[in-house]
C-alpha cells in the first residue's frame, strides 16, 4: 500500500519532466538560432562601413581607388591624436562617425584643423558633435528625399549635379557659408570657410558607399570634395583609442542612447497596464459548473502532486486529519460542528477503541510529519483508525 501511494502521488518521472520543458527548450533554441542568423546577416551587410579598405557594399574602397588614380594618397588613422597631427594645408581630413568622439577629442581636432588651412569633411555630424567641431551649426530633422539637386554656387556641387546627399539638414548662424542640396529650405551639404581652408558638413554618407558610388553624381561629388588636396587622411574612430577615455569615467547609463531609455520607460508602463488589465476583477466571484466531470481520484492525485511539488507536508497532513475527523464524528455520535474540538472528539473515539490507540491525540491532532515517509505512514494509520471505528 505504501509503495502504491508513493508511485501515484508524489513521484515525477523523467518523461513527465521532459514533456513539461520541451516546449520552452524548443522556443529558446528557435530564438537563439534566429538571433544568430539576424546578427550574421546584418554584420555581413554593414561590415567595414565607411572603411576605404573595405570592398563591402557599405565600404568606401572604390572612392579610395579612384582617388589613387588621380594621384591622391589615402591614409587610414584610428586615433584622434594621429588625425590631429596629420592635418595640414595639403591634406583633406575626413572624419567618419564624428558623433562617436568625446568632447576632448572634438576640441583637439577642432584646434588642429582650424590652424591647418586644409579641408575637413565631417560625415553626417549630429547634435553630439556639432558644438565641438562646427560651432554655430545645429542639426535638424533628416530630409525625406535621398536624391537632391545642388541649387548652389559651390563649383564641386554644380559640376556633380544631383547626388544622394539627403540626410541630416543643417541650420547655421554663421556668415559666408555655402548651402547646397537643400530640402525644405535647409541644406544637407554645408561649406564653412576658415581662412584658406574650409570645413564641409555632409548630411549623409551615401555618396561614399561602394554600392552607391555609380549613381547620379555621387562619384563626381565625392572625388571633388576629397580630392582637392594631394593627401587624404581617413579617420575612423576606434574603441582602442586611449584618448576616448580622457573625458573621465562614464557610467553604464551614460553609454545608453536616449532612445533606449524612452523605450524602456514605455515598456515599463505597458507592463504595468497589462498587469492591471489581467488582474482586474469586476464584482464578486461567481461559481460556474465545470464543462466536464472530474473523477475524485484524479482530483486527489492532482492535489497530492501540488503538495509534493511545494513540499507542503504540513498542509497535506492537516487535510488528511481534518477529513478523518469529519468522517469519524457521526460514527461516534459527535456533531459536525464539534468534529475538530479535541475535548469532544477524542473521548468519544477512545470509547470505541481498544487501549492500543494510546497515541490517539497525536494521531488526530499532532504535529506535521518530518518527511514523506512519515506522511504516508500517517495516511495509513488514519485509514486503519477509521476502519477500526466502523467495525467496532
Protein backbone atom coordinates (compact mmCIF):
# COMPACT_ATOMS: atom_id res chain seq x y z
CA UNK A 1 0.00 0.00 0.00
CA UNK A 2 2.81 2.35 0.85
CA UNK A 3 4.61 1.73 -2.49
CA UNK A 4 1.42 2.29 -4.47
CA UNK A 5 0.73 5.60 -2.76
CA UNK A 6 4.29 6.75 -3.33
CA UNK A 7 4.28 5.89 -7.03
CA UNK A 8 0.95 7.55 -7.82
CA UNK A 9 1.02 10.67 -5.66
CA UNK A 10 4.43 12.15 -5.24
CA UNK A 11 6.80 10.76 -7.89
CA UNK A 12 7.67 12.61 -11.13
CA UNK A 13 9.12 10.59 -13.98
CA UNK A 14 11.80 11.91 -16.38
CA UNK A 15 9.30 11.62 -19.24
CA UNK A 16 6.94 14.00 -17.44
CA UNK A 17 9.75 16.48 -16.81
CA UNK A 18 10.71 16.36 -20.50
CA UNK A 19 7.08 16.83 -21.58
CA UNK A 20 6.81 19.95 -19.42
CA UNK A 21 10.07 21.58 -20.51
CA UNK A 22 10.47 20.61 -24.16
CA UNK A 23 8.27 23.50 -25.35
CA UNK A 24 10.40 26.06 -23.52
CA UNK A 25 13.63 24.48 -24.74
CA UNK A 26 12.37 24.44 -28.33
CA UNK A 27 11.37 28.11 -28.12
CA UNK A 28 14.76 29.04 -26.69
CA UNK A 29 16.58 27.17 -29.48
CA UNK A 30 14.47 28.88 -32.16
CA UNK A 31 15.10 32.34 -30.67
CA UNK A 32 18.83 31.64 -30.38
CA UNK A 33 19.05 30.45 -33.99
CA UNK A 34 17.06 33.45 -35.24
CA UNK A 35 19.28 35.85 -33.29
CA UNK A 36 22.45 34.30 -34.70
CA UNK A 37 21.06 34.39 -38.24
CA UNK A 38 19.99 38.04 -37.98
CA UNK A 39 23.33 39.04 -36.46
CA UNK A 40 25.21 37.24 -39.23
CA UNK A 41 23.15 38.85 -41.97
CA UNK A 42 23.40 42.35 -40.54
CA UNK A 43 27.09 42.10 -39.72
CA UNK A 44 27.82 40.85 -43.22
CA UNK A 45 25.99 43.73 -44.89
CA UNK A 46 27.45 46.53 -42.77
CA UNK A 47 30.94 45.15 -42.29
CA UNK A 48 33.61 47.76 -42.98
CA UNK A 49 31.20 50.68 -43.04
CA UNK A 50 32.94 53.80 -44.43
CA UNK A 51 36.27 51.99 -44.42
CA UNK A 52 38.35 52.88 -47.52
CA UNK A 53 39.93 49.42 -47.34
CA UNK A 54 36.63 47.52 -47.44
CA UNK A 55 35.02 46.27 -50.66
CA UNK A 56 31.68 45.55 -48.99
CA UNK A 57 28.56 47.43 -50.10
CA UNK A 58 28.90 49.89 -47.22
CA UNK A 59 32.67 50.21 -47.54
CA UNK A 60 34.49 53.01 -49.39
CA UNK A 61 37.29 51.23 -51.23
CA UNK A 62 36.02 52.38 -54.63
CA UNK A 63 36.46 56.04 -53.67
CA UNK A 64 40.00 55.42 -52.44
CA UNK A 65 40.97 53.64 -55.67
CA UNK A 66 39.52 56.38 -57.86
CA UNK A 67 41.40 58.98 -55.82
CA UNK A 68 44.61 56.96 -56.21
CA UNK A 69 44.17 57.13 -60.00
CA UNK A 70 44.21 60.92 -59.58
CA UNK A 71 47.42 60.83 -57.51
CA UNK A 72 45.62 61.45 -54.20
CA UNK A 73 47.02 59.27 -51.43
CA UNK A 74 44.68 57.86 -48.79
CA UNK A 75 45.86 57.01 -45.29
CA UNK A 76 43.65 55.49 -42.58
CA UNK A 77 44.10 56.53 -38.94
CA UNK A 78 42.15 55.28 -35.93
CA UNK A 79 43.16 57.73 -33.19
CA UNK A 80 42.30 61.39 -32.77
CA UNK A 81 45.92 62.18 -31.95
CA UNK A 82 47.09 60.82 -35.32
CA UNK A 83 44.28 62.63 -37.11
CA UNK A 84 45.13 65.96 -35.49
CA UNK A 85 48.84 65.51 -36.27
CA UNK A 86 48.10 64.78 -39.94
CA UNK A 87 46.09 67.97 -40.52
CA UNK A 88 47.84 70.36 -42.88
CA UNK A 89 47.36 72.74 -45.84
CA UNK A 90 47.88 69.95 -48.38
CA UNK A 91 45.64 67.44 -46.56
CA UNK A 92 41.94 66.66 -46.52
CA UNK A 93 40.85 65.18 -43.19
CA UNK A 94 37.71 63.05 -43.38
CA UNK A 95 36.09 62.22 -40.03
CA UNK A 96 33.71 59.27 -40.24
CA UNK A 97 31.15 58.94 -37.44
CA UNK A 98 32.09 62.19 -35.66
CA UNK A 99 29.30 61.65 -33.13
CA UNK A 100 31.41 58.88 -31.55
CA UNK A 101 34.09 61.34 -30.47
CA UNK A 102 34.34 62.66 -26.93
CA UNK A 103 34.33 66.37 -26.19
CA UNK A 104 38.09 66.46 -25.63
CA UNK A 105 38.70 64.65 -28.92
CA UNK A 106 36.44 67.13 -30.70
CA UNK A 107 38.24 70.08 -29.12
CA UNK A 108 41.68 68.75 -30.12
CA UNK A 109 40.59 68.11 -33.70
CA UNK A 110 38.90 71.50 -33.94
CA UNK A 111 42.06 73.28 -32.83
CA UNK A 112 44.28 71.28 -35.23
CA UNK A 113 42.08 71.74 -38.30
CA UNK A 114 41.40 75.43 -37.65
CA UNK A 115 45.06 76.33 -37.98
CA UNK A 116 45.92 73.77 -40.67
CA UNK A 117 44.45 75.68 -43.67
CA UNK A 118 43.35 72.33 -45.10
CA UNK A 119 39.93 70.82 -45.69
CA UNK A 120 37.92 68.92 -43.10
CA UNK A 121 34.98 66.72 -44.16
CA UNK A 122 32.52 65.69 -41.44
CA UNK A 123 30.34 62.74 -42.43
CA UNK A 124 26.78 63.05 -41.04
CA UNK A 125 27.65 65.01 -37.87
CA UNK A 126 24.73 65.32 -35.46
CA UNK A 127 23.85 67.07 -32.24
CA UNK A 128 26.59 65.34 -30.16
CA UNK A 129 29.47 66.57 -32.35
CA UNK A 130 28.37 69.84 -33.97
CA UNK A 131 29.03 72.11 -30.92
CA UNK A 132 32.63 70.88 -30.75
CA UNK A 133 33.50 70.52 -34.44
CA UNK A 134 31.28 73.14 -36.10
CA UNK A 135 30.14 75.78 -33.59
CA UNK A 136 27.20 77.84 -34.78
CA UNK A 137 25.63 74.95 -36.73
CA UNK A 138 22.71 72.89 -35.48
CA UNK A 139 21.30 69.61 -36.78
CA UNK A 140 17.66 69.44 -37.86
CA UNK A 141 15.32 66.63 -38.86
CA UNK A 142 16.64 64.46 -41.75
CA UNK A 143 15.39 65.03 -45.26
CA UNK A 144 12.57 62.88 -46.62
CA UNK A 145 14.28 62.73 -50.02
CA UNK A 146 17.50 60.87 -50.74
CA UNK A 147 18.50 62.38 -54.09
CA UNK A 148 18.69 66.18 -54.20
CA UNK A 149 19.77 68.85 -56.67
CA UNK A 150 22.69 71.16 -55.77
CA UNK A 151 20.91 74.55 -56.19
CA UNK A 152 24.02 76.47 -55.02
CA UNK A 153 27.15 78.19 -56.33
CA UNK A 154 29.65 75.66 -54.98
CA UNK A 155 31.73 74.56 -58.01
CA UNK A 156 32.02 70.95 -56.83
CA UNK A 157 28.25 70.64 -56.42
CA UNK A 158 27.42 72.37 -59.71
CA UNK A 159 29.73 70.03 -61.65
CA UNK A 160 28.41 66.92 -59.87
CA UNK A 161 24.71 67.69 -60.26
CA UNK A 162 22.13 65.63 -58.36
CA UNK A 163 23.55 63.38 -55.65
CA UNK A 164 22.43 61.18 -52.77
CA UNK A 165 23.08 63.73 -50.04
CA UNK A 166 19.62 63.57 -48.46
CA UNK A 167 20.20 63.07 -44.74
CA UNK A 168 20.66 65.40 -41.78
CA UNK A 169 19.74 69.01 -42.57
CA UNK A 170 21.70 71.89 -41.05
CA UNK A 171 20.80 75.35 -39.81
CA UNK A 172 23.65 77.85 -39.42
CA UNK A 173 24.04 81.26 -37.82
CA UNK A 174 27.47 81.71 -39.43
CA UNK A 175 28.16 84.12 -42.30
CA UNK A 176 29.84 83.36 -45.62
CA UNK A 177 28.71 79.76 -45.59
CA UNK A 178 27.65 77.94 -48.76
CA UNK A 179 24.46 75.88 -48.57
CA UNK A 180 23.85 73.10 -51.11
CA UNK A 181 21.40 70.29 -51.73
CA UNK A 182 18.61 71.95 -49.78
CA UNK A 183 15.50 70.13 -48.60
CA UNK A 184 12.57 72.17 -47.29
CA UNK A 185 14.78 75.26 -47.11
CA UNK A 186 17.70 73.71 -45.20
CA UNK A 187 20.93 72.33 -46.71
CA UNK A 188 22.23 68.79 -46.40
CA UNK A 189 25.70 69.93 -47.50
CA UNK A 190 27.24 72.95 -45.83
CA UNK A 191 30.66 74.51 -46.52
CA UNK A 192 32.18 76.71 -43.79
CA UNK A 193 35.26 78.71 -44.85
CA UNK A 194 38.09 79.12 -42.35
CA UNK A 195 40.99 81.25 -43.65
CA UNK A 196 42.45 79.47 -46.65
CA UNK A 197 40.84 76.19 -45.57
CA UNK A 198 37.28 75.06 -45.04
CA UNK A 199 35.02 72.55 -43.30
CA UNK A 200 32.40 70.58 -45.25
CA UNK A 201 29.42 69.03 -43.48
CA UNK A 202 27.95 66.12 -45.39
CA UNK A 203 24.45 65.17 -44.19
CA UNK A 204 24.59 61.56 -45.40
CA UNK A 205 27.43 59.10 -46.17
CA UNK A 206 25.70 57.56 -49.21
CA UNK A 207 27.99 59.15 -51.82
CA UNK A 208 30.95 57.34 -50.24
CA UNK A 209 29.46 53.81 -50.28
CA UNK A 210 30.72 51.31 -52.84
CA UNK A 211 27.22 50.32 -53.98
CA UNK A 212 26.03 53.93 -54.39
CA UNK A 213 29.09 55.50 -55.98
CA UNK A 214 27.94 54.90 -59.56
CA UNK A 215 24.52 56.51 -59.06
CA UNK A 216 23.66 60.11 -60.07
CA UNK A 217 26.56 62.47 -59.39
CA UNK A 218 27.81 60.66 -56.28
CA UNK A 219 31.23 59.76 -57.66
CA UNK A 220 31.88 63.24 -59.02
CA UNK A 221 30.90 64.95 -55.79
CA UNK A 222 32.92 62.54 -53.62
CA UNK A 223 36.06 62.82 -55.73
CA UNK A 224 35.91 66.64 -55.81
CA UNK A 225 35.28 67.01 -52.08
CA UNK A 226 38.03 64.55 -51.11
CA UNK A 227 40.49 65.17 -53.93
CA UNK A 228 41.09 68.92 -53.61
CA UNK A 229 44.40 68.22 -51.78
CA UNK A 230 47.09 65.67 -52.66
CA UNK A 231 46.71 63.81 -49.36
CA UNK A 232 43.59 62.35 -47.76
CA UNK A 233 43.59 61.25 -44.12
CA UNK A 234 40.61 58.99 -43.37
CA UNK A 235 39.86 58.99 -39.66
CA UNK A 236 37.83 56.03 -38.38
CA UNK A 237 37.12 56.49 -34.62
CA UNK A 238 38.07 53.36 -32.71
CA UNK A 239 37.31 52.00 -29.24
CA UNK A 240 41.01 51.26 -28.84
CA UNK A 241 41.81 54.98 -28.93
CA UNK A 242 43.18 55.83 -25.46
CA UNK A 243 42.06 59.46 -25.80
CA UNK A 244 38.44 58.30 -25.89
CA UNK A 245 38.65 57.68 -22.13
CA UNK A 246 40.14 61.07 -21.35
CA UNK A 247 36.79 62.63 -20.51
CA UNK A 248 36.67 60.67 -17.27
CA UNK A 249 34.77 57.59 -16.27
CA UNK A 250 31.26 57.32 -17.60
CA UNK A 251 28.61 55.11 -16.11
CA UNK A 252 26.79 52.36 -17.97
CA UNK A 253 23.71 54.56 -18.34
CA UNK A 254 25.78 57.31 -19.99
CA UNK A 255 26.62 54.90 -22.80
CA UNK A 256 22.98 54.01 -23.49
CA UNK A 257 21.36 56.17 -26.21
CA UNK A 258 18.45 58.31 -25.08
CA UNK A 259 16.06 56.41 -27.34
CA UNK A 260 16.61 53.21 -25.39
CA UNK A 261 15.72 54.96 -22.13
CA UNK A 262 12.41 56.14 -23.58
CA UNK A 263 11.79 52.67 -24.96
CA UNK A 264 12.43 51.06 -21.57
CA UNK A 265 10.05 53.55 -19.92
CA UNK A 266 7.32 52.77 -22.45
CA UNK A 267 7.77 49.03 -21.94
CA UNK A 268 7.52 49.50 -18.17
CA UNK A 269 4.28 51.46 -18.49
CA UNK A 270 2.91 48.84 -20.88
CA UNK A 271 3.82 46.04 -18.45
CA UNK A 272 2.09 47.83 -15.55
CA UNK A 273 -1.04 48.42 -17.64
CA UNK A 274 -1.05 44.79 -18.76
CA UNK A 275 -0.73 43.64 -15.14
CA UNK A 276 -3.64 45.86 -14.09
CA UNK A 277 -5.72 44.61 -17.02
CA UNK A 278 -5.04 40.94 -16.31
CA UNK A 279 -5.56 41.43 -12.58
CA UNK A 280 -8.86 43.29 -12.86
CA UNK A 281 -11.89 41.94 -11.04
CA UNK A 282 -15.47 43.13 -11.50
CA UNK A 283 -17.77 42.17 -8.65
CA UNK A 284 -17.74 39.01 -6.51
CA UNK A 285 -16.60 35.62 -7.73
CA UNK A 286 -19.30 33.53 -9.43
CA UNK A 287 -19.40 29.77 -9.25
CA UNK A 288 -19.71 28.04 -12.60
CA UNK A 289 -20.47 24.46 -13.48
CA UNK A 290 -17.48 22.56 -14.80
CA UNK A 291 -17.74 21.66 -18.50
CA UNK A 292 -16.63 18.10 -17.70
CA UNK A 293 -16.85 15.82 -14.71
CA UNK A 294 -13.55 15.15 -12.98
CA UNK A 295 -13.05 11.85 -11.22
CA UNK A 296 -12.42 12.18 -7.50
CA UNK A 297 -9.26 10.07 -7.75
CA UNK A 298 -7.81 12.45 -10.35
CA UNK A 299 -8.59 15.49 -8.21
CA UNK A 300 -6.97 13.85 -5.16
CA UNK A 301 -3.90 12.83 -7.13
CA UNK A 302 -3.58 16.33 -8.62
CA UNK A 303 -3.72 17.95 -5.20
CA UNK A 304 -1.19 15.43 -3.90
CA UNK A 305 1.23 16.35 -6.70
CA UNK A 306 0.85 20.03 -5.88
CA UNK A 307 1.57 19.36 -2.21
CA UNK A 308 4.57 17.21 -3.16
CA UNK A 309 5.97 19.84 -5.52
CA UNK A 310 5.64 22.54 -2.85
CA UNK A 311 6.93 20.19 -0.09
CA UNK A 312 3.79 21.12 1.87
CA UNK A 313 3.70 18.10 4.16
CA UNK A 314 2.08 20.19 6.89
CA UNK A 315 -0.86 21.12 4.64
CA UNK A 316 -1.22 17.55 3.41
CA UNK A 317 -1.23 16.15 6.95
CA UNK A 318 -3.72 18.81 8.06
CA UNK A 319 -6.04 17.89 5.18
CA UNK A 320 -5.81 14.16 5.97
CA UNK A 321 -6.52 14.65 9.68
CA UNK A 322 -9.35 17.09 9.06
CA UNK A 323 -11.11 14.74 6.61
CA UNK A 324 -10.69 11.82 9.02
CA UNK A 325 -12.17 13.80 11.94
CA UNK A 326 -15.17 14.84 9.83
CA UNK A 327 -15.89 11.20 8.90
CA UNK A 328 -15.36 9.91 12.45
CA UNK A 329 -17.65 12.45 14.14
CA UNK A 330 -21.00 10.97 13.03
CA UNK A 331 -19.74 7.43 13.70
CA UNK A 332 -19.13 8.20 17.40
CA UNK A 333 -22.16 10.49 17.89
CA UNK A 334 -20.33 13.86 17.80
CA UNK A 335 -21.96 16.79 15.93
CA UNK A 336 -20.16 18.01 12.81
CA UNK A 337 -19.65 21.41 14.40
CA UNK A 338 -17.57 19.77 17.18
CA UNK A 339 -15.61 17.42 14.93
CA UNK A 340 -12.43 19.50 15.30
CA UNK A 341 -12.65 20.01 19.06
CA UNK A 342 -10.19 17.63 20.81
CA UNK A 343 -12.04 17.74 24.14
CA UNK A 344 -15.20 16.43 22.44
CA UNK A 345 -13.97 14.12 19.70
CA UNK A 346 -11.13 12.30 21.48
CA UNK A 347 -13.21 10.85 24.38
CA UNK A 348 -15.93 9.68 22.00
CA UNK A 349 -13.44 7.96 19.66
CA UNK A 350 -11.45 6.43 22.55
CA UNK A 351 -14.62 4.81 23.87
CA UNK A 352 -14.89 2.85 20.61
CA UNK A 353 -11.26 1.68 20.53
CA UNK A 354 -9.05 -0.70 22.47
CA UNK A 355 -6.15 0.52 24.61
CA UNK A 356 -3.69 0.08 21.71
CA UNK A 357 -4.60 3.62 20.47
CA UNK A 358 -2.93 5.45 23.34
CA UNK A 359 -1.42 7.96 20.88
CA UNK A 360 -4.83 8.94 19.53
CA UNK A 361 -4.36 12.70 20.33
CA UNK A 362 -1.12 12.78 18.35
CA UNK A 363 -2.69 10.82 15.50
CA UNK A 364 -5.68 13.15 15.05
CA UNK A 365 -4.25 16.49 16.26
CA UNK A 366 -0.47 16.01 16.20
CA UNK A 367 2.40 17.90 14.58
CA UNK A 368 3.28 17.73 10.86
CA UNK A 369 5.33 14.70 9.74
CA UNK A 370 9.06 15.36 9.20
CA UNK A 371 9.35 13.63 5.79
CA UNK A 372 7.35 11.99 3.02
CA UNK A 373 7.67 8.51 4.51
CA UNK A 374 6.15 9.71 7.78
CA UNK A 375 3.32 11.37 5.84
CA UNK A 376 2.49 8.08 4.08
CA UNK A 377 2.60 6.27 7.41
CA UNK A 378 0.20 8.86 8.85
CA UNK A 379 -2.24 8.27 5.98
CA UNK A 380 -2.12 4.51 6.55
CA UNK A 381 -2.76 4.85 10.28
CA UNK A 382 -5.69 7.23 9.75
CA UNK A 383 -7.23 4.71 7.34
CA UNK A 384 -6.74 1.94 9.88
CA UNK A 385 -8.29 4.08 12.64
CA UNK A 386 -11.39 4.79 10.55
CA UNK A 387 -11.84 1.10 9.70
CA UNK A 388 -11.47 0.19 13.36
CA UNK A 389 -14.18 2.65 14.41
CA UNK A 390 -16.56 1.49 11.68
CA UNK A 391 -16.22 -2.17 12.66
CA UNK A 392 -16.43 -1.61 16.40
